[in-house]
Amino acid sequence: VLTDQYIKNLEAYLNSPSEDLRKTAAQEVLKRLDEDRTRYNDAALNALINKMLQDPSCHKVKATALTALDTLAQGNDNTVKILSDMAQNDKSRNGADAATAASILMKMSSPTKLVDVPKGNNPSGGMIE
């Protein structure tokens, strides 16, 4: 269970002047997303990811947020704004973050839905795989 106090602690760590504390908090956010699918669109975790995307000096924190958005989190309207700005204006790492942000925006614009299709006989008699 993600308590309000736990979320507040993560936010405090992400606001810390210490890069090590911010990296630790970023990894915790990633773990919380990874441990439960229902959290992919959690408002509090999305707010923390948005904060991570805007880290002033630690690329590792931004990279963790980009990884979360690329693989786990769904983001929100604010995420789209931050990623759009990053895709257009971020020159760090020779534009690699901008390219990743653009790729994530593309995925977000056409979300996919996983469908569980049971294996079995189809109407024409063949197997569905």
Protein backbone atom coordinates (compact mmCIF):
# COMPACT_ATOMS: atom_id res chain seq x y z
CA VAL A 1 0.00 0.00 0.00
CA LEU A 2 1.29 3.43 -0.94
CA THR A 3 0.52 5.64 2.03
CA ASP A 4 0.38 9.42 1.88
CA GLN A 5 3.38 9.55 4.22
CA TYR A 6 5.40 7.25 1.94
CA ILE A 7 4.61 9.41 -1.11
CA LYS A 8 5.52 12.56 0.86
CA ASN A 9 8.83 10.97 1.85
CA LEU A 10 9.61 10.11 -1.77
CA GLU A 11 8.77 13.67 -2.80
CA ALA A 12 11.02 15.07 -0.06
CA TYR A 13 13.87 12.85 -1.28
CA LEU A 14 13.28 14.01 -4.87
CA ASN A 15 13.50 17.62 -3.63
CA SER A 16 16.75 16.96 -1.77
CA PRO A 17 19.93 18.79 -2.80
CA SER A 18 21.68 15.40 -2.57
CA GLU A 19 21.85 13.61 -5.92
CA ASP A 20 22.24 10.29 -4.10
CA LEU A 21 18.94 10.78 -2.26
CA ARG A 22 17.20 11.80 -5.49
CA LYS A 23 18.57 8.68 -7.26
CA THR A 24 17.40 6.48 -4.38
CA ALA A 25 13.90 7.98 -4.51
CA ALA A 26 13.77 7.57 -8.30
CA GLN A 27 14.64 3.89 -7.98
CA GLU A 28 11.93 3.49 -5.32
CA VAL A 29 9.33 5.03 -7.65
CA LEU A 30 10.38 2.59 -10.37
CA LYS A 31 10.10 -0.35 -7.95
CA ARG A 32 6.62 0.69 -6.80
CA LEU A 33 5.45 0.83 -10.42
CA ASP A 34 7.03 -2.49 -11.28
CA GLU A 35 5.52 -4.39 -8.36
CA ASP A 36 1.87 -3.72 -9.22
CA ARG A 37 0.29 -3.17 -12.67
CA THR A 38 -2.58 -1.19 -11.20
CA ARG A 39 -0.12 1.57 -10.34
CA TYR A 40 0.76 2.35 -13.96
CA ASN A 41 -1.71 5.23 -13.91
CA ASP A 42 -1.44 6.14 -10.22
CA ALA A 43 -1.80 9.93 -9.86
CA ALA A 44 0.74 10.25 -7.03
CA LEU A 45 3.38 8.18 -8.83
CA ASN A 46 2.79 10.11 -12.05
CA ALA A 47 3.35 13.36 -10.14
CA LEU A 48 6.64 11.97 -8.82
CA ILE A 49 7.68 10.89 -12.31
CA ASN A 50 6.95 14.40 -13.58
CA LYS A 51 9.17 15.78 -10.83
CA MET A 52 11.90 13.29 -11.81
CA LEU A 53 11.70 14.38 -15.46
CA GLN A 54 12.49 17.92 -14.33
CA ASP A 55 15.48 17.06 -12.15
CA PRO A 56 17.80 20.07 -12.40
CA SER A 57 21.14 18.30 -12.52
CA CYS A 58 21.07 14.52 -12.23
CA HIS A 59 20.70 12.68 -15.51
CA LYS A 60 20.20 9.35 -13.71
CA VAL A 61 16.96 10.64 -12.16
CA LYS A 62 15.66 11.84 -15.55
CA ALA A 63 16.71 8.57 -17.17
CA THR A 64 14.82 6.59 -14.53
CA ALA A 65 11.69 8.64 -15.22
CA LEU A 66 12.06 8.11 -18.97
CA THR A 67 12.49 4.37 -18.40
CA ALA A 68 9.36 4.27 -16.24
CA LEU A 69 7.34 6.07 -18.90
CA ASP A 70 8.75 3.92 -21.67
CA THR A 71 7.95 0.64 -19.94
CA LEU A 72 5.57 1.02 -17.00
CA ALA A 73 3.85 4.31 -16.26
CA GLN A 74 1.15 5.93 -18.36
CA GLY A 75 1.78 9.56 -17.41
CA ASN A 76 -0.77 12.37 -17.53
CA ASP A 77 -1.37 15.69 -19.29
CA ASN A 78 1.47 17.33 -17.38
CA THR A 79 3.78 14.49 -18.43
CA VAL A 80 2.91 15.18 -22.07
CA LYS A 81 3.79 18.87 -21.64
CA ILE A 82 7.11 18.07 -19.97
CA LEU A 83 8.02 15.46 -22.60
CA SER A 84 7.02 17.81 -25.44
CA ASP A 85 9.28 20.50 -24.05
CA MET A 86 12.07 17.98 -23.58
CA ALA A 87 11.66 16.63 -27.12
CA GLN A 88 11.88 20.12 -28.60
CA ASN A 89 14.46 21.80 -26.37
CA ASP A 90 16.64 19.27 -24.57
CA LYS A 91 20.15 19.24 -25.98
CA SER A 92 21.71 17.17 -23.19
CA ARG A 93 23.50 13.95 -24.04
CA ASN A 94 23.62 14.98 -27.72
CA GLY A 95 19.84 14.97 -27.94
CA ALA A 96 19.40 11.40 -26.69
CA ASP A 97 16.88 12.41 -24.02
CA ALA A 98 14.97 14.46 -26.59
CA ALA A 99 14.78 11.44 -28.88
CA THR A 100 13.59 9.22 -26.03
CA ALA A 101 10.98 11.81 -25.02
CA ALA A 102 9.72 11.98 -28.62
CA SER A 103 9.50 8.18 -28.77
CA ILE A 104 7.53 8.04 -25.53
CA LEU A 105 5.17 10.75 -26.79
CA MET A 106 4.57 8.68 -29.91
CA LYS A 107 3.70 5.63 -27.80
CA MET A 108 1.45 7.71 -25.55
CA SER A 109 -0.45 9.06 -28.55
CA SER A 110 -1.52 5.57 -29.55
CA PRO A 111 -1.84 3.46 -26.41
CA THR A 112 -2.11 -0.27 -26.84
CA LYS A 113 -4.39 -2.59 -24.97
CA LEU A 114 -3.34 -6.09 -24.05
CA VAL A 115 -5.96 -8.66 -24.94
CA ASP A 116 -5.90 -12.18 -23.59
CA VAL A 117 -6.97 -14.53 -26.38
CA PRO A 118 -7.33 -18.14 -25.22
CA LYS A 119 -5.69 -20.80 -27.32
CA GLY A 120 -8.08 -23.23 -28.90
CA ASN A 121 -9.87 -24.17 -32.06
CA ASN A 122 -11.03 -21.36 -34.28
CA PRO A 123 -14.27 -21.65 -36.32
CA SER A 124 -12.39 -22.83 -39.43
CA GLY A 125 -10.95 -25.77 -37.55
CA GLY A 126 -7.33 -24.61 -37.18
CA MET A 127 -5.56 -23.69 -33.97
CA ILE A 128 -5.33 -20.08 -32.82
CA GLU A 129 -1.83 -19.10 -31.75
